C-alpha atoms as a PDB file:
ATOM      1  CA  MET A   1      43.533 244.671 277.037  1.00  0.00           C
ATOM      2  CA  ALA A   2      44.377 243.702 273.668  1.00  0.00           C
ATOM      3  CA  SER A   3      41.004 244.686 272.209  1.00  0.00           C
ATOM      4  CA  ARG A   4      42.233 248.070 273.295  1.00  0.00           C
ATOM      5  CA  ILE A   5      45.301 248.021 271.850  1.00  0.00           C
ATOM      6  CA  ASP A   6      43.595 246.313 268.299  1.00  0.00           C
ATOM      7  CA  ASP A   7      41.109 249.263 268.697  1.00  0.00           C
ATOM      8  CA  ALA A   8      43.692 251.780 268.499  1.00  0.00           C
ATOM      9  CA  PHE A   9      45.617 250.490 265.931  1.00  0.00           C
ATOM     10  CA  GLY A  10      42.516 250.341 263.901  1.00  0.00           C
ATOM     11  CA  ILE A  11      42.966 248.549 260.210  1.00  0.00           C
ATOM     12  CA  HIS A  12      46.283 248.877 259.990  1.00  0.00           C
ATOM     13  CA  ALA A  13      47.746 245.776 261.652  1.00  0.00           C
ATOM     14  CA  LYS A  14      45.083 243.848 259.123  1.00  0.00           C
ATOM     15  CA  ALA A  15      46.403 246.309 256.159  1.00  0.00           C
ATOM     16  CA  LEU A  16      50.057 245.777 257.018  1.00  0.00           C
ATOM     17  CA  GLU A  17      49.839 241.836 256.805  1.00  0.00           C
ATOM     18  CA  THR A  18      47.503 242.099 253.286  1.00  0.00           C
ATOM     19  CA  PHE A  19      50.383 244.742 251.921  1.00  0.00           C
ATOM     20  CA  GLY A  20      53.141 242.149 252.615  1.00  0.00           C
ATOM     21  CA  ARG A  21      51.471 239.424 251.316  1.00  0.00           C
ATOM     22  CA  ARG A  22      50.384 241.333 248.055  1.00  0.00           C
ATOM     23  CA  ALA A  23      54.008 242.600 247.623  1.00  0.00           C
ATOM     24  CA  GLU A  24      54.797 238.774 247.509  1.00  0.00           C
ATOM     25  CA  VAL A  25      52.303 238.003 245.158  1.00  0.00           C
ATOM     26  CA  LEU A  26      53.497 241.104 242.740  1.00  0.00           C
ATOM     27  CA  ALA A  27      57.422 240.080 243.101  1.00  0.00           C
ATOM     28  CA  GLY A  28      55.964 236.728 241.989  1.00  0.00           C
ATOM     29  CA  ASN A  29      54.768 238.001 238.739  1.00  0.00           C
ATOM     30  CA  MET A  30      57.752 240.069 238.191  1.00  0.00           C
ATOM     31  CA  ALA A  31      59.964 237.179 238.453  1.00  0.00           C
ATOM     32  CA  ASN A  32      57.629 235.226 236.064  1.00  0.00           C
ATOM     33  CA  ALA A  33      57.463 237.663 233.342  1.00  0.00           C
ATOM     34  CA  ASP A  34      59.114 235.508 231.160  1.00  0.00           C
ATOM     35  CA  THR A  35      57.558 231.931 231.557  1.00  0.00           C
ATOM     36  CA  PRO A  36      55.368 231.167 228.974  1.00  0.00           C
ATOM     37  CA  GLY A  37      51.681 230.744 230.061  1.00  0.00           C
ATOM     38  CA  TYR A  38      52.087 231.938 233.678  1.00  0.00           C
ATOM     39  CA  LYS A  39      49.017 234.330 234.930  1.00  0.00           C
ATOM     40  CA  ALA A  40      49.790 237.156 236.663  1.00  0.00           C
ATOM     41  CA  ARG A  41      47.880 237.069 240.448  1.00  0.00           C
ATOM     42  CA  ASP A  42      46.650 239.793 242.538  1.00  0.00           C
ATOM     43  CA  ILE A  43      44.870 240.476 245.900  1.00  0.00           C
ATOM     44  CA  ASP A  44      41.343 242.673 246.047  1.00  0.00           C
ATOM     45  CA  PHE A  45      42.559 244.883 249.156  1.00  0.00           C
ATOM     46  CA  LYS A  46      39.187 246.349 249.386  1.00  0.00           C
ATOM     47  CA  SER A  47      37.622 243.027 249.906  1.00  0.00           C
ATOM     48  CA  VAL A  48      40.197 241.517 252.383  1.00  0.00           C
ATOM     49  CA  LEU A  49      40.039 244.762 254.698  1.00  0.00           C
ATOM     50  CA  GLY A  50      36.005 245.169 254.065  1.00  0.00           C
ATOM     51  CA  GLY A  51      35.445 242.461 257.018  1.00  0.00           C
ATOM     52  CA  VAL A  52      37.624 244.081 259.278  1.00  0.00           C
ATOM     53  CA  MET A  53      36.048 247.430 258.681  1.00  0.00           C
ATOM     54  CA  LYS A  54      33.039 248.147 262.016  1.00  0.00           C
ATOM     55  CA  ASN A  55      30.711 250.369 260.520  1.00  0.00           C
ATOM     56  CA  GLU A  56      30.149 248.490 257.370  1.00  0.00           C
ATOM     57  CA  LEU A  57      26.026 248.548 256.802  1.00  0.00           C
ATOM     58  CA  PRO A  58      24.240 245.869 256.095  1.00  0.00           C
ATOM     59  CA  MET A  59      23.009 245.245 252.586  1.00  0.00           C
ATOM     60  CA  ALA A  60      19.399 245.699 252.046  1.00  0.00           C
ATOM     61  CA  LYS A  61      17.257 242.804 250.113  1.00  0.00           C
ATOM     62  CA  SER A  62      13.961 244.349 249.151  1.00  0.00           C
ATOM     63  CA  ALA A  63      13.007 241.764 246.538  1.00  0.00           C
ATOM     64  CA  SER A  64      13.589 237.852 245.470  1.00  0.00           C
ATOM     65  CA  GLY A  65      16.061 238.917 242.835  1.00  0.00           C
ATOM     66  CA  HIS A  66      18.504 240.477 244.551  1.00  0.00           C
ATOM     67  CA  LEU A  67      21.811 238.861 245.641  1.00  0.00           C
ATOM     68  CA  ALA A  68      22.626 237.873 249.027  1.00  0.00           C
ATOM     69  CA  VAL A  69      25.560 239.145 250.699  1.00  0.00           C
ATOM     70  CA  SER A  70      27.779 236.195 250.149  1.00  0.00           C
ATOM     71  CA  ASP A  71      27.069 236.460 246.417  1.00  0.00           C
ATOM     72  CA  ARG A  72      28.570 239.619 245.949  1.00  0.00           C
ATOM     73  CA  GLY A  73      32.308 238.304 244.371  1.00  0.00           C
ATOM     74  CA  GLN A  74      34.327 239.633 246.894  1.00  0.00           C
ATOM     75  CA  SER A  75      37.341 237.744 247.741  1.00  0.00           C
ATOM     76  CA  ASN A  76      38.518 237.108 251.605  1.00  0.00           C
ATOM     77  CA  GLY A  77      41.841 237.315 250.154  1.00  0.00           C
ATOM     78  CA  GLU A  78      42.481 234.627 247.945  1.00  0.00           C
ATOM     79  CA  LEU A  79      44.562 235.473 245.109  1.00  0.00           C
ATOM     80  CA  LEU A  80      42.753 236.373 242.065  1.00  0.00           C
ATOM     81  CA  TYR A  81      43.623 236.501 238.369  1.00  0.00           C
ATOM     82  CA  ARG A  82      44.592 239.934 236.822  1.00  0.00           C
ATOM     83  CA  VAL A  83      42.787 240.628 233.155  1.00  0.00           C
ATOM     84  CA  PRO A  84      45.655 241.658 230.943  1.00  0.00           C
ATOM     85  CA  LEU A  85      45.297 244.239 228.844  1.00  0.00           C
ATOM     86  CA  GLN A  86      47.235 242.929 225.951  1.00  0.00           C
ATOM     87  CA  PRO A  87      48.288 239.530 226.593  1.00  0.00           C
ATOM     88  CA  SER A  88      51.063 237.961 224.966  1.00  0.00           C
ATOM     89  CA  ALA A  89      51.286 235.557 222.328  1.00  0.00           C
ATOM     90  CA  ASP A  90      53.145 232.489 224.858  1.00  0.00           C
ATOM     91  CA  GLY A  91      50.211 232.817 227.097  1.00  0.00           C
ATOM     92  CA  ASN A  92      51.979 235.251 229.710  1.00  0.00           C
ATOM     93  CA  THR A  93      49.679 237.564 231.190  1.00  0.00           C
ATOM     94  CA  VAL A  94      52.330 239.737 233.230  1.00  0.00           C
ATOM     95  CA  ASP A  95      52.247 243.208 232.149  1.00  0.00           C
ATOM     96  CA  MET A  96      55.639 244.861 233.718  1.00  0.00           C
ATOM     97  CA  GLN A  97      54.909 248.185 233.706  1.00  0.00           C
ATOM     98  CA  LYS A  98      51.508 247.405 235.600  1.00  0.00           C
ATOM     99  CA  GLU A  99      53.284 245.345 237.984  1.00  0.00           C
ATOM    100  CA  GLN A 100      55.958 247.859 238.899  1.00  0.00           C
ATOM    101  CA  ALA A 101      53.569 250.050 239.306  1.00  0.00           C
ATOM    102  CA  GLU A 102      51.224 248.436 241.481  1.00  0.00           C
ATOM    103  CA  PHE A 103      54.428 247.237 243.549  1.00  0.00           C
ATOM    104  CA  ALA A 104      55.476 250.656 244.149  1.00  0.00           C
ATOM    105  CA  GLN A 105      51.894 252.177 245.200  1.00  0.00           C
ATOM    106  CA  ASN A 106      51.867 248.831 247.744  1.00  0.00           C
ATOM    107  CA  ALA A 107      55.065 249.776 248.994  1.00  0.00           C
ATOM    108  CA  ILE A 108      53.932 253.397 249.247  1.00  0.00           C
ATOM    109  CA  ARG A 109      50.538 252.519 251.406  1.00  0.00           C
ATOM    110  CA  TYR A 110      52.269 249.681 253.227  1.00  0.00           C
ATOM    111  CA  GLN A 111      55.086 253.015 254.479  1.00  0.00           C
ATOM    112  CA  THR A 112      51.883 255.262 255.189  1.00  0.00           C
ATOM    113  CA  SER A 113      50.456 252.586 257.521  1.00  0.00           C
ATOM    114  CA  VAL A 114      53.903 251.884 259.371  1.00  0.00           C
ATOM    115  CA  SER A 115      53.999 255.579 259.546  1.00  0.00           C
ATOM    116  CA  PHE A 116      50.747 255.729 261.297  1.00  0.00           C
ATOM    117  CA  LEU A 117      51.235 252.554 263.563  1.00  0.00           C
ATOM    118  CA  ASP A 118      54.756 254.431 264.637  1.00  0.00           C
ATOM    119  CA  GLY A 119      52.859 257.762 265.715  1.00  0.00           C
ATOM    120  CA  THR A 120      50.147 255.837 267.702  1.00  0.00           C
ATOM    121  CA  ILE A 121      52.645 253.716 269.371  1.00  0.00           C
ATOM    122  CA  LYS A 122      54.630 256.669 270.478  1.00  0.00           C
ATOM    123  CA  ASN A 123      51.331 258.157 271.663  1.00  0.00           C
ATOM    124  CA  LEU A 124      50.732 255.072 273.770  1.00  0.00           C
ATOM    125  CA  LEU A 125      54.108 255.058 275.349  1.00  0.00           C
ATOM    126  CA  SER A 126      53.460 259.125 276.056  1.00  0.00           C
ATOM    127  CA  ALA A 127      50.159 258.765 277.886  1.00  0.00           C
ATOM    128  CA  ILE A 128      51.746 255.258 279.863  1.00  0.00           C
ATOM    129  CA  ARG A 129      54.585 257.646 280.821  1.00  0.00           C
ATOM    130  CA  GLY A 130      52.519 260.583 281.701  1.00  0.00           C
ATOM    131  CA  GLU A 131      54.217 262.785 279.357  1.00  0.00           C
END
């Protein structure tokens, strides 16, 4: 039964978890905008959900010089450092405008996943009730 529920929700359960974690990271960046030497961090959302996607094609390796799948440089949700467009003199790499824009975009994506899950749950309840 659990796998059927997981199939109904798709990647949205993992997406919500990742969006929540990313919101915490971005809020931490904004809170430390004036901390000398603080390095802005972020999560690579695409690589986190890459492992969840079931339709992922295997990478072909046709020559000995090709990189193995594990060498692609993708993260599994670990925090990565953000490369600043213009670092400050004190070594802080937080760009408040960038952080605010990323936070707003993350919030919109979170709400979109919540809305999708809400509709899915309503459809499942309707099917259970026979409506």
